[in-house]
Amino acid sequence: MTQIVTKLNKNKSTMKQKTIYKSTFMVTVLHEEPNYHPSSLKNIHYDIDEGDKVGQFVKVGELAKVGGEAVDECMDVGTDYEFFGMDGDGNELDED
């Protein structure tokens, strides 16, 4: 039993934490009517590119998120952390 626990602890300590990157963008839209409430980024793109509005798209930041922070970021945006190939602790999953 002690050998099994030792082996599990050794495997856990050699696991590599996953790094993902969080990029933040700012979109500015100029329009003539009040209360502009687009339902998606796709709608904003259409309104600026082909519609009656003009706008600007600017990257304002990028942060590396590692391990548990990466998992938290996934949860915050409503996606499963396995999408990025990591477990619930933020460790990389085996490709096997």
C-alpha atoms as a PDB file:
ATOM      1  CA  MET A   1       0.000   0.000   0.000  1.00  0.00           C
ATOM      2  CA  THR A   2       2.832   2.416   0.856  1.00  0.00           C
ATOM      3  CA  GLN A   3       4.425   1.742  -2.535  1.00  0.00           C
ATOM      4  CA  ILE A   4       1.207   2.666  -4.353  1.00  0.00           C
ATOM      5  CA  VAL A   5       0.826   5.965  -2.458  1.00  0.00           C
ATOM      6  CA  THR A   6       4.487   6.823  -3.024  1.00  0.00           C
ATOM      7  CA  LYS A   7       4.150   6.104  -6.742  1.00  0.00           C
ATOM      8  CA  LEU A   8       0.994   8.261  -6.999  1.00  0.00           C
ATOM      9  CA  ASN A   9       2.689  11.150  -5.182  1.00  0.00           C
ATOM     10  CA  LYS A  10       5.749  10.847  -7.437  1.00  0.00           C
ATOM     11  CA  ASN A  11       3.584  10.917 -10.586  1.00  0.00           C
ATOM     12  CA  LYS A  12       1.629  13.923  -9.309  1.00  0.00           C
ATOM     13  CA  SER A  13       4.813  15.897  -8.583  1.00  0.00           C
ATOM     14  CA  THR A  14       6.088  15.336 -12.144  1.00  0.00           C
ATOM     15  CA  MET A  15       2.900  16.645 -13.777  1.00  0.00           C
ATOM     16  CA  LYS A  16       3.383  19.840 -15.744  1.00  0.00           C
ATOM     17  CA  GLN A  17       1.003  22.728 -15.150  1.00  0.00           C
ATOM     18  CA  LYS A  18      -0.733  24.053 -18.248  1.00  0.00           C
ATOM     19  CA  THR A  19      -0.320  27.669 -19.351  1.00  0.00           C
ATOM     20  CA  ILE A  20      -3.017  29.491 -21.313  1.00  0.00           C
ATOM     21  CA  TYR A  21      -3.170  33.159 -22.268  1.00  0.00           C
ATOM     22  CA  LYS A  22      -5.967  35.612 -21.547  1.00  0.00           C
ATOM     23  CA  SER A  23      -6.195  38.419 -24.104  1.00  0.00           C
ATOM     24  CA  THR A  24      -8.473  41.377 -23.472  1.00  0.00           C
ATOM     25  CA  PHE A  25      -9.843  43.564 -26.260  1.00  0.00           C
ATOM     26  CA  MET A  26     -11.758  46.805 -26.301  1.00  0.00           C
ATOM     27  CA  VAL A  27     -14.341  47.492 -28.992  1.00  0.00           C
ATOM     28  CA  THR A  28     -15.549  51.028 -29.576  1.00  0.00           C
ATOM     29  CA  VAL A  29     -18.689  51.561 -31.652  1.00  0.00           C
ATOM     30  CA  LEU A  30     -19.982  54.945 -32.822  1.00  0.00           C
ATOM     31  CA  HIS A  31     -23.663  55.078 -33.737  1.00  0.00           C
ATOM     32  CA  GLU A  32     -26.482  57.607 -34.157  1.00  0.00           C
ATOM     33  CA  GLU A  33     -29.246  55.938 -32.128  1.00  0.00           C
ATOM     34  CA  PRO A  34     -29.189  55.412 -28.335  1.00  0.00           C
ATOM     35  CA  ASN A  35     -29.260  52.030 -26.588  1.00  0.00           C
ATOM     36  CA  TYR A  36     -27.087  49.953 -28.910  1.00  0.00           C
ATOM     37  CA  HIS A  37     -27.174  46.384 -27.519  1.00  0.00           C
ATOM     38  CA  PRO A  38     -25.617  43.853 -29.905  1.00  0.00           C
ATOM     39  CA  SER A  39     -26.087  40.197 -29.032  1.00  0.00           C
ATOM     40  CA  SER A  40     -22.660  38.942 -30.162  1.00  0.00           C
ATOM     41  CA  LEU A  41     -19.236  39.873 -31.462  1.00  0.00           C
ATOM     42  CA  LYS A  42     -20.447  38.680 -34.861  1.00  0.00           C
ATOM     43  CA  ASN A  43     -23.225  41.295 -34.764  1.00  0.00           C
ATOM     44  CA  ILE A  44     -20.766  44.035 -33.776  1.00  0.00           C
ATOM     45  CA  HIS A  45     -18.465  43.030 -36.643  1.00  0.00           C
ATOM     46  CA  TYR A  46     -21.337  43.164 -39.130  1.00  0.00           C
ATOM     47  CA  ASP A  47     -22.586  46.528 -37.824  1.00  0.00           C
ATOM     48  CA  ILE A  48     -19.102  48.077 -38.137  1.00  0.00           C
ATOM     49  CA  ASP A  49     -18.043  46.350 -41.365  1.00  0.00           C
ATOM     50  CA  GLU A  50     -21.286  46.441 -43.360  1.00  0.00           C
ATOM     51  CA  GLY A  51     -23.831  48.319 -41.280  1.00  0.00           C
ATOM     52  CA  ASP A  52     -24.487  51.925 -40.330  1.00  0.00           C
ATOM     53  CA  LYS A  53     -21.925  52.092 -37.522  1.00  0.00           C
ATOM     54  CA  VAL A  54     -18.186  52.673 -37.312  1.00  0.00           C
ATOM     55  CA  GLY A  55     -15.797  51.334 -34.760  1.00  0.00           C
ATOM     56  CA  GLN A  56     -12.397  50.291 -33.569  1.00  0.00           C
ATOM     57  CA  PHE A  57     -11.007  47.040 -32.180  1.00  0.00           C
ATOM     58  CA  VAL A  58      -7.935  47.303 -29.919  1.00  0.00           C
ATOM     59  CA  LYS A  59      -6.012  44.730 -27.883  1.00  0.00           C
ATOM     60  CA  VAL A  60      -5.543  46.146 -24.386  1.00  0.00           C
ATOM     61  CA  GLY A  61      -3.798  43.313 -22.598  1.00  0.00           C
ATOM     62  CA  GLU A  62      -2.555  39.748 -22.375  1.00  0.00           C
ATOM     63  CA  LEU A  63      -1.824  37.714 -19.261  1.00  0.00           C
ATOM     64  CA  ALA A  64      -0.423  34.210 -18.820  1.00  0.00           C
ATOM     65  CA  LYS A  65      -2.597  32.008 -16.598  1.00  0.00           C
ATOM     66  CA  VAL A  66      -0.973  28.894 -15.141  1.00  0.00           C
ATOM     67  CA  GLY A  67      -2.428  25.817 -13.449  1.00  0.00           C
ATOM     68  CA  GLY A  68      -5.338  26.597 -11.143  1.00  0.00           C
ATOM     69  CA  GLU A  69      -5.617  30.161 -12.467  1.00  0.00           C
ATOM     70  CA  ALA A  70      -6.059  28.722 -15.972  1.00  0.00           C
ATOM     71  CA  VAL A  71      -8.847  26.463 -14.701  1.00  0.00           C
ATOM     72  CA  ASP A  72     -10.528  29.448 -12.999  1.00  0.00           C
ATOM     73  CA  GLU A  73     -10.395  31.474 -16.224  1.00  0.00           C
ATOM     74  CA  CYS A  74     -12.045  28.630 -18.127  1.00  0.00           C
ATOM     75  CA  MET A  75     -14.805  28.456 -15.531  1.00  0.00           C
ATOM     76  CA  ASP A  76     -15.267  32.250 -15.690  1.00  0.00           C
ATOM     77  CA  VAL A  77     -15.937  32.177 -19.439  1.00  0.00           C
ATOM     78  CA  GLY A  78     -18.097  29.057 -19.236  1.00  0.00           C
ATOM     79  CA  THR A  79     -15.868  26.494 -20.932  1.00  0.00           C
ATOM     80  CA  ASP A  80     -14.529  23.141 -19.778  1.00  0.00           C
ATOM     81  CA  TYR A  81     -10.846  23.191 -18.817  1.00  0.00           C
ATOM     82  CA  GLU A  82     -10.400  19.946 -20.772  1.00  0.00           C
ATOM     83  CA  PHE A  83     -10.846  22.063 -23.925  1.00  0.00           C
ATOM     84  CA  PHE A  84      -7.247  23.176 -23.305  1.00  0.00           C
ATOM     85  CA  GLY A  85      -6.043  19.684 -22.374  1.00  0.00           C
ATOM     86  CA  MET A  86      -5.782  20.088 -18.614  1.00  0.00           C
ATOM     87  CA  ASP A  87      -7.277  18.491 -15.550  1.00  0.00           C
ATOM     88  CA  GLY A  88      -9.179  20.224 -12.737  1.00  0.00           C
ATOM     89  CA  ASP A  89      -5.916  21.202 -11.025  1.00  0.00           C
ATOM     90  CA  GLY A  90      -4.511  22.822 -14.167  1.00  0.00           C
ATOM     91  CA  ASN A  91      -2.078  20.019 -15.003  1.00  0.00           C
ATOM     92  CA  GLU A  92      -1.533  18.987 -18.605  1.00  0.00           C
ATOM     93  CA  LEU A  93      -3.425  15.840 -19.581  1.00  0.00           C
ATOM     94  CA  ASP A  94      -1.564  12.992 -21.219  1.00  0.00           C
ATOM     95  CA  GLU A  95      -2.060  12.772 -24.984  1.00  0.00           C
ATOM     96  CA  ASP A  96      -2.578   8.994 -24.720  1.00  0.00           C
END
